[in-house]
Amino acid sequence: MAARLRSHFLVPLLVALCSIGAGILGGGRVSAAADDETSQSLKSFTQVYDLVERNFADPVKPDKAIYNGAIPEMLRTLDPHSHFLDPKEYASNREDQRGHYFGIGMMVAQHGTKTVVTAPFAGSPAYKAGLRTGDVILEVNDKRTDNLGVGEVADLLRGPRGTHAQVTIGRVGSDKPLTFNVIRDAIPRSSVSDAFWLRPGIAYIEVKTFNDENTSKEMEDKLKKLGEKDIKGLVLDLRENPGGLLTEGIEVAGHFLKKNQLVVSHR
């Protein structure tokens, strides 16, 4: 009964969101015919959902069916570049954009069925605690990692600043598992590599991503440190850069263009 009530709450919520979206996209002018068509489509959706909920072999979880199913698929159908983020994914995305996250500070990778430490970041809590490259992560806060993906393990390692992460690892040369109690902290992540000279007068700098609110400042600081006034030519390496924040892309481009020169237009 609780699941049924929850689903009936979520469906009107989806209806409200779709109605708001229709008003925004139409500039607030929604014709009666369009309104009737939308209402009919939403009615069909609720009928299908109710049919699935009543006849599916396993209990249907509204969060999974709507947040992981209906909404993402709707967006992919309308526009392949639009994505739906739930609160957890949104918070993680915002951490990436701020150029830091809270955790213990190390890279992990999947090796077969095991999650292995590939590199503790220099000066990070993991580095100071003694975790090493090649350590196999067995448990995080008493939760076994045998059947977890690398992303799930990374999520376990993240957490609010000042909280404890108990990491149990297997290490070559050690007969028994080792346990480390690590205090999480802010872990900075650079989106721009160090600038250096390719030859006198010709500098090189790599912008790895624009998905960081500090990208343009990082680039400018590193060019100034190199001696920007001595630069006659610059290799700006954007290979394998996946993109990111439009505002940072504009700021980086603006560094090399004339004042008030058009960078990009969008609607």
Protein backbone atom coordinates (compact mmCIF):
# COMPACT_ATOMS: atom_id res chain seq x y z
CA MET A 1 0.00 0.00 0.00
CA ALA A 2 2.88 2.34 0.83
CA ALA A 3 4.45 1.73 -2.58
CA ARG A 4 1.12 2.38 -4.32
CA LEU A 5 0.62 5.65 -2.43
CA ARG A 6 4.16 6.74 -3.20
CA SER A 7 3.75 5.99 -6.88
CA HIS A 8 0.52 7.98 -7.00
CA PHE A 9 2.36 10.88 -5.40
CA LEU A 10 5.23 10.71 -7.91
CA VAL A 11 3.01 10.55 -10.99
CA PRO A 12 1.25 13.89 -10.25
CA LEU A 13 4.71 15.31 -9.54
CA LEU A 14 5.82 14.22 -13.01
CA VAL A 15 2.61 15.69 -14.46
CA ALA A 16 3.34 19.02 -12.76
CA LEU A 17 6.93 19.04 -14.02
CA CYS A 18 5.84 18.28 -17.58
CA SER A 19 3.19 21.01 -17.41
CA ILE A 20 5.77 23.54 -16.18
CA GLY A 21 8.17 22.45 -18.92
CA ALA A 22 5.47 22.87 -21.57
CA GLY A 23 4.81 26.40 -20.34
CA ILE A 24 8.51 27.32 -20.43
CA LEU A 25 9.12 25.83 -23.87
CA GLY A 26 6.06 27.54 -25.28
CA GLY A 27 6.89 30.88 -23.72
CA GLY A 28 3.80 30.61 -21.51
CA ARG A 29 1.43 30.28 -24.51
CA VAL A 30 -0.12 26.81 -24.45
CA SER A 31 -3.12 26.25 -26.70
CA ALA A 32 -6.17 24.33 -25.53
CA ALA A 33 -5.51 21.63 -28.18
CA ALA A 34 -1.92 21.18 -27.01
CA ASP A 35 -3.08 21.08 -23.40
CA ASP A 36 -5.64 18.35 -24.22
CA GLU A 37 -3.00 16.37 -26.11
CA THR A 38 -0.59 16.60 -23.18
CA SER A 39 -3.28 15.55 -20.72
CA GLN A 40 -4.16 12.54 -22.89
CA SER A 41 -0.50 11.51 -23.16
CA LEU A 42 -0.03 11.75 -19.40
CA LYS A 43 -3.22 9.78 -18.85
CA SER A 44 -1.86 7.04 -21.11
CA PHE A 45 1.41 7.07 -19.17
CA THR A 46 -0.31 6.63 -15.81
CA GLN A 47 -2.43 3.79 -17.24
CA VAL A 48 0.67 1.98 -18.53
CA TYR A 49 2.50 2.52 -15.25
CA ASP A 50 -0.47 1.21 -13.25
CA LEU A 51 -0.67 -1.84 -15.54
CA VAL A 52 3.04 -2.58 -15.04
CA GLU A 53 2.80 -2.07 -11.29
CA ARG A 54 -0.11 -4.51 -11.00
CA ASN A 55 1.26 -7.23 -13.30
CA PHE A 56 5.05 -7.13 -13.07
CA ALA A 57 6.66 -10.22 -11.52
CA ASP A 58 8.54 -8.21 -8.88
CA PRO A 59 7.47 -5.16 -6.86
CA VAL A 60 7.91 -2.01 -8.98
CA LYS A 61 9.99 0.72 -7.36
CA PRO A 62 8.70 4.16 -8.47
CA ASP A 63 12.18 5.71 -8.15
CA LYS A 64 13.66 3.13 -10.52
CA ALA A 65 10.74 3.12 -12.97
CA ILE A 66 10.39 6.90 -13.23
CA TYR A 67 13.72 8.48 -12.28
CA ASN A 68 15.90 5.81 -13.91
CA GLY A 69 13.48 4.82 -16.66
CA ALA A 70 10.73 7.11 -17.90
CA ILE A 71 12.37 10.52 -17.44
CA PRO A 72 15.86 9.67 -18.85
CA GLU A 73 14.31 7.86 -21.82
CA MET A 74 11.99 10.81 -22.50
CA LEU A 75 14.95 13.19 -22.57
CA ARG A 76 17.01 10.90 -24.80
CA THR A 77 14.12 10.72 -27.25
CA LEU A 78 13.71 14.51 -27.35
CA ASP A 79 17.41 15.40 -27.32
CA PRO A 80 20.41 13.04 -27.05
CA HIS A 81 22.40 15.76 -25.27
CA SER A 82 19.95 16.22 -22.37
CA HIS A 83 20.36 14.23 -19.17
CA PHE A 84 18.43 13.79 -15.93
CA LEU A 85 20.39 13.79 -12.68
CA ASP A 86 18.96 12.58 -9.39
CA PRO A 87 20.03 14.49 -6.24
CA LYS A 88 23.06 12.23 -5.61
CA GLU A 89 24.29 12.49 -9.21
CA TYR A 90 23.71 16.24 -9.21
CA ALA A 91 25.75 16.69 -6.02
CA SER A 92 28.59 14.63 -7.54
CA ASN A 93 28.41 16.69 -10.74
CA ARG A 94 28.63 19.94 -8.75
CA GLU A 95 31.68 18.61 -6.91
CA ASP A 96 33.36 17.99 -10.26
CA GLN A 97 32.53 21.52 -11.42
CA ARG A 98 33.99 23.11 -8.30
CA GLY A 99 37.32 21.42 -8.98
CA HIS A 100 37.42 19.43 -5.77
CA TYR A 101 35.58 16.74 -3.88
CA PHE A 102 35.61 15.37 -0.35
CA GLY A 103 37.19 11.98 0.13
CA ILE A 104 40.50 10.30 0.92
CA GLY A 105 42.28 11.22 -2.33
CA MET A 106 43.32 8.32 -4.52
CA MET A 107 42.59 6.83 -7.92
CA VAL A 108 41.11 3.33 -8.07
CA ALA A 109 40.56 0.95 -10.97
CA GLN A 110 38.91 -2.38 -11.68
CA HIS A 111 41.25 -5.37 -12.07
CA GLY A 112 39.08 -8.38 -12.80
CA THR A 113 36.68 -8.61 -9.87
CA LYS A 114 38.91 -6.53 -7.59
CA THR A 115 39.15 -2.79 -7.00
CA VAL A 116 42.79 -1.73 -6.81
CA VAL A 117 44.50 1.50 -5.75
CA THR A 118 46.26 2.89 -8.82
CA ALA A 119 47.65 6.08 -7.28
CA PRO A 120 47.21 7.91 -3.96
CA PHE A 121 47.41 11.67 -4.61
CA ALA A 122 50.53 13.26 -3.13
CA GLY A 123 49.72 14.91 0.20
CA SER A 124 46.19 13.45 0.35
CA PRO A 125 44.75 11.70 3.46
CA ALA A 126 45.21 8.32 1.70
CA TYR A 127 48.86 9.12 0.96
CA LYS A 128 49.54 10.26 4.52
CA ALA A 129 47.80 7.19 5.97
CA GLY A 130 50.10 4.85 4.03
CA LEU A 131 47.89 3.44 1.27
CA ARG A 132 49.95 2.36 -1.74
CA THR A 133 49.63 1.68 -5.44
CA GLY A 134 48.60 -1.95 -5.93
CA ASP A 135 46.65 -2.28 -2.67
CA VAL A 136 43.45 -4.29 -3.19
CA ILE A 137 40.43 -2.70 -1.47
CA LEU A 138 38.57 -5.44 0.43
CA GLU A 139 36.21 -3.39 2.62
CA VAL A 140 35.16 0.22 3.19
CA ASN A 141 33.53 0.87 6.57
CA ASP A 142 32.94 -2.89 7.00
CA LYS A 143 31.17 -3.16 3.63
CA ARG A 144 32.68 -5.85 1.37
CA THR A 145 33.64 -4.69 -2.12
CA ASP A 146 33.68 -8.13 -3.83
CA ASN A 147 30.57 -7.52 -5.90
CA LEU A 148 30.87 -3.75 -6.28
CA GLY A 149 31.93 -1.81 -9.34
CA VAL A 150 34.75 0.72 -9.21
CA GLY A 151 32.24 3.60 -9.20
CA GLU A 152 30.42 2.15 -6.20
CA VAL A 153 33.70 1.75 -4.30
CA ALA A 154 34.67 5.33 -5.16
CA ASP A 155 31.30 6.50 -3.76
CA LEU A 156 32.01 4.66 -0.50
CA LEU A 157 35.37 6.41 -0.21
CA ARG A 158 33.81 9.85 -0.67
CA GLY A 159 32.02 11.64 2.14
CA PRO A 160 31.79 14.86 4.15
CA ARG A 161 35.00 16.53 5.28
CA GLY A 162 36.17 15.34 8.70
CA THR A 163 34.37 11.98 8.58
CA HIS A 164 36.21 8.67 8.93
CA ALA A 165 36.66 6.07 6.23
CA GLN A 166 37.89 2.68 7.44
CA VAL A 167 39.61 1.00 4.50
CA THR A 168 40.69 -2.65 4.68
CA ILE A 169 43.14 -3.70 1.98
CA GLY A 170 45.12 -6.71 0.83
CA ARG A 171 48.79 -6.05 0.10
CA VAL A 172 51.44 -8.15 -1.57
CA GLY A 173 53.89 -9.36 1.09
CA SER A 174 51.37 -9.07 3.92
CA ASP A 175 49.80 -12.30 5.24
CA LYS A 176 46.81 -10.55 6.76
CA PRO A 177 44.56 -7.70 5.57
CA LEU A 178 45.61 -4.23 6.70
CA THR A 179 43.13 -1.66 8.01
CA PHE A 180 43.56 2.12 7.69
CA ASN A 181 41.42 4.76 9.38
CA VAL A 182 41.47 7.80 7.12
CA ILE A 183 39.86 11.18 7.75
CA ARG A 184 38.22 12.60 4.63
CA ASP A 185 39.19 16.06 3.41
CA ALA A 186 38.84 18.32 0.36
CA ILE A 187 40.73 16.83 -2.58
CA PRO A 188 41.67 19.44 -5.21
CA ARG A 189 41.68 18.44 -8.86
CA SER A 190 43.46 20.42 -11.53
CA SER A 191 41.90 20.76 -14.98
CA VAL A 192 44.98 22.41 -16.52
CA SER A 193 48.46 20.91 -16.80
CA ASP A 194 51.62 22.91 -16.04
CA ALA A 195 52.75 25.21 -18.84
CA PHE A 196 56.28 24.65 -20.16
CA TRP A 197 58.54 25.74 -23.01
CA LEU A 198 58.68 23.60 -26.15
CA ARG A 199 61.46 25.84 -27.38
CA PRO A 200 62.41 29.48 -26.73
CA GLY A 201 59.33 31.64 -27.24
CA ILE A 202 56.94 28.69 -27.85
CA ALA A 203 54.95 27.51 -24.83
CA TYR A 204 52.71 24.49 -24.31
CA ILE A 205 49.73 24.02 -21.99
CA GLU A 206 47.06 21.33 -21.85
CA VAL A 207 43.46 22.06 -20.79
CA LYS A 208 42.16 18.63 -19.78
CA THR A 209 38.55 19.68 -19.14
CA PHE A 210 36.33 22.74 -18.79
CA ASN A 211 34.26 20.96 -16.14
CA ASP A 212 35.75 23.08 -13.39
CA GLU A 213 34.79 26.56 -12.24
CA ASN A 214 38.50 27.41 -11.89
CA THR A 215 39.73 26.31 -15.36
CA SER A 216 40.34 29.80 -16.78
CA LYS A 217 42.07 31.03 -13.61
CA GLU A 218 44.25 27.92 -13.48
CA MET A 219 45.35 28.50 -17.08
CA GLU A 220 46.10 32.19 -16.54
CA ASP A 221 48.05 31.52 -13.32
CA LYS A 222 50.22 28.87 -14.98
CA LEU A 223 50.93 31.03 -18.02
CA LYS A 224 51.89 33.95 -15.75
CA LYS A 225 54.18 31.67 -13.75
CA LEU A 226 55.89 30.66 -16.99
CA GLY A 227 56.37 34.29 -18.02
CA GLU A 228 53.49 35.19 -20.32
CA LYS A 229 55.16 38.32 -21.69
CA ASP A 230 57.89 36.14 -23.22
CA ILE A 231 55.44 33.89 -25.11
CA LYS A 232 55.59 34.39 -28.89
CA GLY A 233 53.51 31.31 -29.72
CA LEU A 234 51.40 28.87 -27.71
CA VAL A 235 50.30 25.28 -28.25
CA LEU A 236 46.90 25.02 -26.53
CA ASP A 237 46.30 21.28 -26.31
CA LEU A 238 42.59 20.36 -26.18
CA ARG A 239 42.95 16.74 -27.30
CA GLU A 240 40.59 14.36 -25.47
CA ASN A 241 39.03 17.33 -23.66
CA PRO A 242 35.39 16.26 -23.16
CA GLY A 243 34.09 19.84 -22.73
CA GLY A 244 32.27 21.06 -19.64
CA LEU A 245 31.09 24.46 -18.43
CA LEU A 246 30.23 26.92 -21.21
CA THR A 247 31.23 29.88 -19.01
CA GLU A 248 34.76 28.49 -18.55
CA GLY A 249 35.11 27.75 -22.25
CA ILE A 250 34.22 31.39 -22.95
CA GLU A 251 36.70 32.65 -20.33
CA VAL A 252 39.54 30.57 -21.78
CA ALA A 253 38.75 31.69 -25.35
CA GLY A 254 38.39 35.30 -24.17
CA HIS A 255 41.96 35.22 -22.87
CA PHE A 256 43.23 35.04 -26.48
CA LEU A 257 40.63 37.20 -28.27
CA LYS A 258 40.11 40.95 -28.51
CA LYS A 259 37.86 42.75 -26.05
CA ASN A 260 34.15 42.47 -26.94
CA GLN A 261 34.91 39.97 -29.72
CA LEU A 262 32.11 37.40 -30.12
CA VAL A 263 33.09 34.00 -28.71
CA VAL A 264 29.88 32.03 -29.07
CA SER A 265 26.13 32.57 -29.31
CA HIS A 266 23.42 30.24 -28.07
CA ARG A 267 19.69 30.13 -27.47
